[in-house]
Amino acid sequence: VSLTPVLRYSYYDRKPQTNNNALYGLES
């Protein structure tokens, strides 16, 4: 018999890099 607890912390970041993000409705 074995017991395996696990814990993870996840972080993400997304960024558009167009010349005019707001004009095309793209947000980070």
PDB file of all heavy atoms in Angstrom:
ATOM      1  N   VAL A   1       0.847  -1.201   0.000  1.00  0.00           N
ATOM      2  CA  VAL A   1       0.000   0.000   0.000  1.00  0.00           C
ATOM      3  C   VAL A   1       0.879   1.246   0.000  1.00  0.00           C
ATOM      4  O   VAL A   1       1.796   1.373   0.823  1.00  0.00           O
ATOM      5  CB  VAL A   1      -0.942   0.028   1.218  1.00  0.00           C
ATOM      6  CG1 VAL A   1      -1.777   1.311   1.215  1.00  0.00           C
ATOM      7  CG2 VAL A   1      -1.857  -1.193   1.218  1.00  0.00           C
ATOM      8  N   SER A   2       0.593   2.155  -0.929  1.00  0.00           N
ATOM      9  CA  SER A   2       1.316   3.431  -0.980  1.00  0.00           C
ATOM     10  C   SER A   2       0.340   4.577  -1.182  1.00  0.00           C
ATOM     11  O   SER A   2      -0.724   4.421  -1.799  1.00  0.00           O
ATOM     12  CB  SER A   2       2.369   3.427  -2.093  1.00  0.00           C
ATOM     13  OG  SER A   2       1.758   3.337  -3.365  1.00  0.00           O
ATOM     14  N   LEU A   3       0.712   5.734  -0.669  1.00  0.00           N
ATOM     15  CA  LEU A   3      -0.086   6.943  -0.777  1.00  0.00           C
ATOM     16  C   LEU A   3       0.797   8.040  -1.354  1.00  0.00           C
ATOM     17  O   LEU A   3       1.909   8.253  -0.851  1.00  0.00           O
ATOM     18  CB  LEU A   3      -0.622   7.351   0.592  1.00  0.00           C
ATOM     19  CG  LEU A   3      -1.679   8.453   0.648  1.00  0.00           C
ATOM     20  CD1 LEU A   3      -2.963   7.977  -0.007  1.00  0.00           C
ATOM     21  CD2 LEU A   3      -1.928   8.875   2.093  1.00  0.00           C
ATOM     22  N   THR A   4       0.326   8.702  -2.404  1.00  0.00           N
ATOM     23  CA  THR A   4       1.154   9.706  -3.087  1.00  0.00           C
ATOM     24  C   THR A   4       0.428  11.042  -3.170  1.00  0.00           C
ATOM     25  O   THR A   4      -0.357  11.277  -4.087  1.00  0.00           O
ATOM     26  CB  THR A   4       1.548   9.238  -4.500  1.00  0.00           C
ATOM     27  OG1 THR A   4       2.129   7.941  -4.444  1.00  0.00           O
ATOM     28  CG2 THR A   4       2.530  10.211  -5.141  1.00  0.00           C
ATOM     29  N   PRO A   5       0.645  11.947  -2.226  1.00  0.00           N
ATOM     30  CA  PRO A   5       0.125  13.301  -2.367  1.00  0.00           C
ATOM     31  C   PRO A   5       1.039  14.123  -3.272  1.00  0.00           C
ATOM     32  O   PRO A   5       2.258  13.897  -3.313  1.00  0.00           O
ATOM     33  CB  PRO A   5       0.132  13.836  -0.933  1.00  0.00           C
ATOM     34  CG  PRO A   5       1.226  13.074  -0.264  1.00  0.00           C
ATOM     35  CD  PRO A   5       1.275  11.722  -0.925  1.00  0.00           C
ATOM     36  N   VAL A   6       0.471  15.060  -4.000  1.00  0.00           N
ATOM     37  CA  VAL A   6       1.247  15.907  -4.906  1.00  0.00           C
ATOM     38  C   VAL A   6       0.698  17.325  -4.842  1.00  0.00           C
ATOM     39  O   VAL A   6      -0.508  17.536  -4.651  1.00  0.00           O
ATOM     40  CB  VAL A   6       1.201  15.359  -6.363  1.00  0.00           C
ATOM     41  CG1 VAL A   6      -0.239  15.304  -6.868  1.00  0.00           C
ATOM     42  CG2 VAL A   6       2.067  16.186  -7.286  1.00  0.00           C
ATOM     43  N   LEU A   7       1.575  18.286  -4.981  1.00  0.00           N
ATOM     44  CA  LEU A   7       1.185  19.695  -4.959  1.00  0.00           C
ATOM     45  C   LEU A   7       1.995  20.435  -6.019  1.00  0.00           C
ATOM     46  O   LEU A   7       3.207  20.259  -6.120  1.00  0.00           O
ATOM     47  CB  LEU A   7       1.448  20.308  -3.582  1.00  0.00           C
ATOM     48  CG  LEU A   7       1.001  21.757  -3.382  1.00  0.00           C
ATOM     49  CD1 LEU A   7      -0.523  21.872  -3.482  1.00  0.00           C
ATOM     50  CD2 LEU A   7       1.493  22.293  -2.035  1.00  0.00           C
ATOM     51  N   ARG A   8       1.296  21.243  -6.819  1.00  0.00           N
ATOM     52  CA  ARG A   8       1.959  22.005  -7.880  1.00  0.00           C
ATOM     53  C   ARG A   8       1.483  23.454  -7.880  1.00  0.00           C
ATOM     54  O   ARG A   8       0.294  23.719  -7.683  1.00  0.00           O
ATOM     55  CB  ARG A   8       1.684  21.385  -9.256  1.00  0.00           C
ATOM     56  CG  ARG A   8       2.300  22.175 -10.407  1.00  0.00           C
ATOM     57  CD  ARG A   8       2.011  21.567 -11.771  1.00  0.00           C
ATOM     58  NE  ARG A   8       2.497  22.423 -12.838  1.00  0.00           N
ATOM     59  CZ  ARG A   8       3.746  22.443 -13.292  1.00  0.00           C
ATOM     60  NH1 ARG A   8       4.630  21.614 -12.780  1.00  0.00           N
ATOM     61  NH2 ARG A   8       4.107  23.266 -14.252  1.00  0.00           N
ATOM     62  N   TYR A   9       2.421  24.360  -8.095  1.00  0.00           N
ATOM     63  CA  TYR A   9       2.107  25.774  -8.311  1.00  0.00           C
ATOM     64  C   TYR A   9       2.431  26.108  -9.755  1.00  0.00           C
ATOM     65  O   TYR A   9       3.559  25.878 -10.222  1.00  0.00           O
ATOM     66  CB  TYR A   9       2.919  26.667  -7.374  1.00  0.00           C
ATOM     67  CG  TYR A   9       2.791  28.136  -7.695  1.00  0.00           C
ATOM     68  CD1 TYR A   9       1.669  28.862  -7.302  1.00  0.00           C
ATOM     69  CD2 TYR A   9       3.789  28.789  -8.411  1.00  0.00           C
ATOM     70  CE1 TYR A   9       1.543  30.210  -7.613  1.00  0.00           C
ATOM     71  CE2 TYR A   9       3.681  30.141  -8.724  1.00  0.00           C
ATOM     72  CZ  TYR A   9       2.550  30.850  -8.324  1.00  0.00           C
ATOM     73  OH  TYR A   9       2.428  32.179  -8.646  1.00  0.00           O
ATOM     74  N   SER A  10       1.448  26.627 -10.490  1.00  0.00           N
ATOM     75  CA  SER A  10       1.630  26.949 -11.910  1.00  0.00           C
ATOM     76  C   SER A  10       1.408  28.439 -12.150  1.00  0.00           C
ATOM     77  O   SER A  10       0.500  29.053 -11.562  1.00  0.00           O
ATOM     78  CB  SER A  10       0.641  26.154 -12.776  1.00  0.00           C
ATOM     79  OG  SER A  10       0.817  24.766 -12.618  1.00  0.00           O
ATOM     80  N   TYR A  11       2.232  28.994 -13.017  1.00  0.00           N
ATOM     81  CA  TYR A  11       2.118  30.402 -13.427  1.00  0.00           C
ATOM     82  C   TYR A  11       2.241  30.487 -14.943  1.00  0.00           C
ATOM     83  O   TYR A  11       3.011  29.740 -15.550  1.00  0.00           O
ATOM     84  CB  TYR A  11       3.223  31.246 -12.781  1.00  0.00           C
ATOM     85  CG  TYR A  11       3.295  32.659 -13.335  1.00  0.00           C
ATOM     86  CD1 TYR A  11       2.473  33.658 -12.840  1.00  0.00           C
ATOM     87  CD2 TYR A  11       4.182  32.971 -14.367  1.00  0.00           C
ATOM     88  CE1 TYR A  11       2.526  34.947 -13.349  1.00  0.00           C
ATOM     89  CE2 TYR A  11       4.248  34.259 -14.882  1.00  0.00           C
ATOM     90  CZ  TYR A  11       3.402  35.245 -14.371  1.00  0.00           C
ATOM     91  OH  TYR A  11       3.452  36.500 -14.902  1.00  0.00           O
ATOM     92  N   TYR A  12       1.454  31.371 -15.550  1.00  0.00           N
ATOM     93  CA  TYR A  12       1.589  31.575 -16.991  1.00  0.00           C
ATOM     94  C   TYR A  12       1.433  33.050 -17.331  1.00  0.00           C
ATOM     95  O   TYR A  12       0.829  33.836 -16.579  1.00  0.00           O
ATOM     96  CB  TYR A  12       0.565  30.736 -17.759  1.00  0.00           C
ATOM     97  CG  TYR A  12      -0.822  31.348 -17.828  1.00  0.00           C
ATOM     98  CD1 TYR A  12      -1.215  32.135 -18.913  1.00  0.00           C
ATOM     99  CD2 TYR A  12      -1.744  31.138 -16.808  1.00  0.00           C
ATOM    100  CE1 TYR A  12      -2.475  32.699 -18.961  1.00  0.00           C
ATOM    101  CE2 TYR A  12      -3.003  31.683 -16.867  1.00  0.00           C
ATOM    102  CZ  TYR A  12      -3.372  32.464 -17.950  1.00  0.00           C
ATOM    103  OH  TYR A  12      -4.629  33.031 -18.000  1.00  0.00           O
ATOM    104  N   ASP A  13       1.974  33.416 -18.490  1.00  0.00           N
ATOM    105  CA  ASP A  13       1.887  34.791 -18.994  1.00  0.00           C
ATOM    106  C   ASP A  13       1.782  34.737 -20.511  1.00  0.00           C
ATOM    107  O   ASP A  13       2.533  33.998 -21.160  1.00  0.00           O
ATOM    108  CB  ASP A  13       3.129  35.582 -18.572  1.00  0.00           C
ATOM    109  CG  ASP A  13       3.059  37.037 -18.996  1.00  0.00           C
ATOM    110  OD1 ASP A  13       2.426  37.824 -18.277  1.00  0.00           O
ATOM    111  OD2 ASP A  13       3.618  37.373 -20.054  1.00  0.00           O
ATOM    112  N   ARG A  14       0.834  35.463 -21.082  1.00  0.00           N
ATOM    113  CA  ARG A  14       0.642  35.531 -22.525  1.00  0.00           C
ATOM    114  C   ARG A  14       0.648  36.996 -22.960  1.00  0.00           C
ATOM    115  O   ARG A  14      -0.056  37.820 -22.363  1.00  0.00           O
ATOM    116  CB  ARG A  14      -0.691  34.888 -22.937  1.00  0.00           C
ATOM    117  CG  ARG A  14      -0.868  33.443 -22.463  1.00  0.00           C
ATOM    118  CD  ARG A  14      -0.006  32.489 -23.266  1.00  0.00           C
ATOM    119  NE  ARG A  14      -0.277  31.107 -22.890  1.00  0.00           N
ATOM    120  CZ  ARG A  14       0.458  30.411 -22.023  1.00  0.00           C
ATOM    121  NH1 ARG A  14       1.507  30.990 -21.437  1.00  0.00           N
ATOM    122  NH2 ARG A  14       0.158  29.169 -21.733  1.00  0.00           N
ATOM    123  N   LYS A  15       1.421  37.284 -24.016  1.00  0.00           N
ATOM    124  CA  LYS A  15       1.536  38.667 -24.470  1.00  0.00           C
ATOM    125  C   LYS A  15       1.512  38.743 -25.996  1.00  0.00           C
ATOM    126  O   LYS A  15       2.345  38.109 -26.658  1.00  0.00           O
ATOM    127  CB  LYS A  15       2.837  39.299 -23.966  1.00  0.00           C
ATOM    128  CG  LYS A  15       2.884  39.539 -22.474  1.00  0.00           C
ATOM    129  CD  LYS A  15       4.183  40.212 -22.063  1.00  0.00           C
ATOM    130  CE  LYS A  15       4.219  40.448 -20.556  1.00  0.00           C
ATOM    131  NZ  LYS A  15       5.498  41.078 -20.143  1.00  0.00           N
ATOM    132  N   PRO A  16       0.569  39.515 -26.573  1.00  0.00           N
ATOM    133  CA  PRO A  16       0.651  39.803 -28.013  1.00  0.00           C
ATOM    134  C   PRO A  16       1.712  40.870 -28.238  1.00  0.00           C
ATOM    135  O   PRO A  16       1.957  41.718 -27.364  1.00  0.00           O
ATOM    136  CB  PRO A  16      -0.752  40.332 -28.336  1.00  0.00           C
ATOM    137  CG  PRO A  16      -1.203  40.964 -27.056  1.00  0.00           C
ATOM    138  CD  PRO A  16      -0.589  40.142 -25.940  1.00  0.00           C
ATOM    139  N   GLN A  17       2.344  40.848 -29.402  1.00  0.00           N
ATOM    140  CA  GLN A  17       3.430  41.790 -29.666  1.00  0.00           C
ATOM    141  C   GLN A  17       3.265  42.471 -31.023  1.00  0.00           C
ATOM    142  O   GLN A  17       4.233  42.692 -31.742  1.00  0.00           O
ATOM    143  CB  GLN A  17       4.776  41.065 -29.597  1.00  0.00           C
ATOM    144  CG  GLN A  17       5.091  40.512 -28.212  1.00  0.00           C
ATOM    145  CD  GLN A  17       6.448  39.850 -28.134  1.00  0.00           C
ATOM    146  OE1 GLN A  17       6.724  38.879 -28.835  1.00  0.00           O
ATOM    147  NE2 GLN A  17       7.327  40.385 -27.297  1.00  0.00           N
ATOM    148  N   THR A  18       2.021  42.804 -31.360  1.00  0.00           N
ATOM    149  CA  THR A  18       1.780  43.544 -32.594  1.00  0.00           C
ATOM    150  C   THR A  18       2.127  45.005 -32.370  1.00  0.00           C
ATOM    151  O   THR A  18       2.337  45.455 -31.241  1.00  0.00           O
ATOM    152  CB  THR A  18       0.312  43.414 -33.032  1.00  0.00           C
ATOM    153  OG1 THR A  18      -0.522  44.106 -32.085  1.00  0.00           O
ATOM    154  CG2 THR A  18      -0.116  41.964 -33.096  1.00  0.00           C
ATOM    155  N   ASN A  19       2.152  45.772 -33.465  1.00  0.00           N
ATOM    156  CA  ASN A  19       2.457  47.199 -33.350  1.00  0.00           C
ATOM    157  C   ASN A  19       1.312  47.979 -32.710  1.00  0.00           C
ATOM    158  O   ASN A  19       1.528  49.074 -32.195  1.00  0.00           O
ATOM    159  CB  ASN A  19       2.767  47.779 -34.736  1.00  0.00           C
ATOM    160  CG  ASN A  19       4.042  47.208 -35.323  1.00  0.00           C
ATOM    161  OD1 ASN A  19       4.983  46.897 -34.585  1.00  0.00           O
ATOM    162  ND2 ASN A  19       4.071  47.030 -36.633  1.00  0.00           N
ATOM    163  N   ASN A  20       0.108  47.421 -32.753  1.00  0.00           N
ATOM    164  CA  ASN A  20      -1.040  48.105 -32.169  1.00  0.00           C
ATOM    165  C   ASN A  20      -2.010  47.056 -31.619  1.00  0.00           C
ATOM    166  O   ASN A  20      -3.005  46.725 -32.246  1.00  0.00           O
ATOM    167  CB  ASN A  20      -1.728  48.993 -33.209  1.00  0.00           C
ATOM    168  CG  ASN A  20      -2.674  49.997 -32.565  1.00  0.00           C
ATOM    169  OD1 ASN A  20      -3.176  49.769 -31.466  1.00  0.00           O
ATOM    170  ND2 ASN A  20      -2.913  51.101 -33.250  1.00  0.00           N
ATOM    171  N   ASN A  21      -1.702  46.528 -30.444  1.00  0.00           N
ATOM    172  CA  ASN A  21      -2.528  45.475 -29.866  1.00  0.00           C
ATOM    173  C   ASN A  21      -3.966  45.925 -29.644  1.00  0.00           C
ATOM    174  O   ASN A  21      -4.915  45.183 -29.907  1.00  0.00           O
ATOM    175  CB  ASN A  21      -1.941  45.010 -28.526  1.00  0.00           C
ATOM    176  CG  ASN A  21      -0.597  44.329 -28.688  1.00  0.00           C
ATOM    177  OD1 ASN A  21      -0.298  43.772 -29.733  1.00  0.00           O
ATOM    178  ND2 ASN A  21       0.215  44.387 -27.649  1.00  0.00           N
ATOM    179  N   ALA A  22      -4.139  47.154 -29.132  1.00  0.00           N
ATOM    180  CA  ALA A  22      -5.483  47.632 -28.806  1.00  0.00           C
ATOM    181  C   ALA A  22      -6.359  47.727 -30.048  1.00  0.00           C
ATOM    182  O   ALA A  22      -7.561  47.439 -29.999  1.00  0.00           O
ATOM    183  CB  ALA A  22      -5.396  48.986 -28.104  1.00  0.00           C
ATOM    184  N   LEU A  23      -5.769  48.117 -31.184  1.00  0.00           N
ATOM    185  CA  LEU A  23      -6.532  48.259 -32.415  1.00  0.00           C
ATOM    186  C   LEU A  23      -7.135  46.937 -32.847  1.00  0.00           C
ATOM    187  O   LEU A  23      -8.253  46.880 -33.357  1.00  0.00           O
ATOM    188  CB  LEU A  23      -5.641  48.823 -33.527  1.00  0.00           C
ATOM    189  CG  LEU A  23      -6.291  48.987 -34.912  1.00  0.00           C
ATOM    190  CD1 LEU A  23      -7.424  50.018 -34.842  1.00  0.00           C
ATOM    191  CD2 LEU A  23      -5.254  49.427 -35.937  1.00  0.00           C
ATOM    192  N   TYR A  24      -6.414  45.862 -32.608  1.00  0.00           N
ATOM    193  CA  TYR A  24      -6.885  44.550 -33.029  1.00  0.00           C
ATOM    194  C   TYR A  24      -7.563  43.780 -31.886  1.00  0.00           C
ATOM    195  O   TYR A  24      -7.893  42.613 -32.031  1.00  0.00           O
ATOM    196  CB  TYR A  24      -5.718  43.739 -33.585  1.00  0.00           C
ATOM    197  CG  TYR A  24      -4.994  44.453 -34.693  1.00  0.00           C
ATOM    198  CD1 TYR A  24      -3.681  44.890 -34.540  1.00  0.00           C
ATOM    199  CD2 TYR A  24      -5.644  44.728 -35.898  1.00  0.00           C
ATOM    200  CE1 TYR A  24      -3.022  45.565 -35.555  1.00  0.00           C
ATOM    201  CE2 TYR A  24      -4.984  45.414 -36.912  1.00  0.00           C
ATOM    202  CZ  TYR A  24      -3.674  45.830 -36.728  1.00  0.00           C
ATOM    203  OH  TYR A  24      -3.025  46.503 -37.730  1.00  0.00           O
ATOM    204  N   GLY A  25      -7.756  44.434 -30.748  1.00  0.00           N
ATOM    205  CA  GLY A  25      -8.447  43.806 -29.634  1.00  0.00           C
ATOM    206  C   GLY A  25      -7.664  42.708 -28.947  1.00  0.00           C
ATOM    207  O   GLY A  25      -8.253  41.801 -28.359  1.00  0.00           O
ATOM    208  N   LEU A  26      -6.330  42.775 -29.002  1.00  0.00           N
ATOM    209  CA  LEU A  26      -5.489  41.744 -28.401  1.00  0.00           C
ATOM    210  C   LEU A  26      -4.967  42.236 -27.055  1.00  0.00           C
ATOM    211  O   LEU A  26      -4.408  43.329 -26.953  1.00  0.00           O
ATOM    212  CB  LEU A  26      -4.319  41.409 -29.321  1.00  0.00           C
ATOM    213  CG  LEU A  26      -4.683  41.010 -30.752  1.00  0.00           C
ATOM    214  CD1 LEU A  26      -3.424  40.672 -31.540  1.00  0.00           C
ATOM    215  CD2 LEU A  26      -5.655  39.839 -30.766  1.00  0.00           C
ATOM    216  N   GLU A  27      -5.147  41.421 -26.020  1.00  0.00           N
ATOM    217  CA  GLU A  27      -4.755  41.803 -24.678  1.00  0.00           C
ATOM    218  C   GLU A  27      -3.826  40.758 -24.056  1.00  0.00           C
ATOM    219  O   GLU A  27      -3.892  39.579 -24.405  1.00  0.00           O
ATOM    220  CB  GLU A  27      -5.995  41.955 -23.783  1.00  0.00           C
ATOM    221  CG  GLU A  27      -6.991  42.982 -24.278  1.00  0.00           C
ATOM    222  CD  GLU A  27      -8.229  43.043 -23.398  1.00  0.00           C
ATOM    223  OE1 GLU A  27      -8.245  42.319 -22.371  1.00  0.00           O
ATOM    224  OE2 GLU A  27      -9.156  43.795 -23.723  1.00  0.00           O
ATOM    225  N   SER A  28      -2.993  41.221 -23.142  1.00  0.00           N
ATOM    226  CA  SER A  28      -2.143  40.315 -22.377  1.00  0.00           C
ATOM    227  C   SER A  28      -2.948  39.716 -21.233  1.00  0.00           C
ATOM    228  O   SER A  28      -3.961  40.271 -20.804  1.00  0.00           O
ATOM    229  CB  SER A  28      -0.930  41.055 -21.820  1.00  0.00           C
ATOM    230  OG  SER A  28      -0.141  41.592 -22.850  1.00  0.00           O
TER     231      SER A  28
END
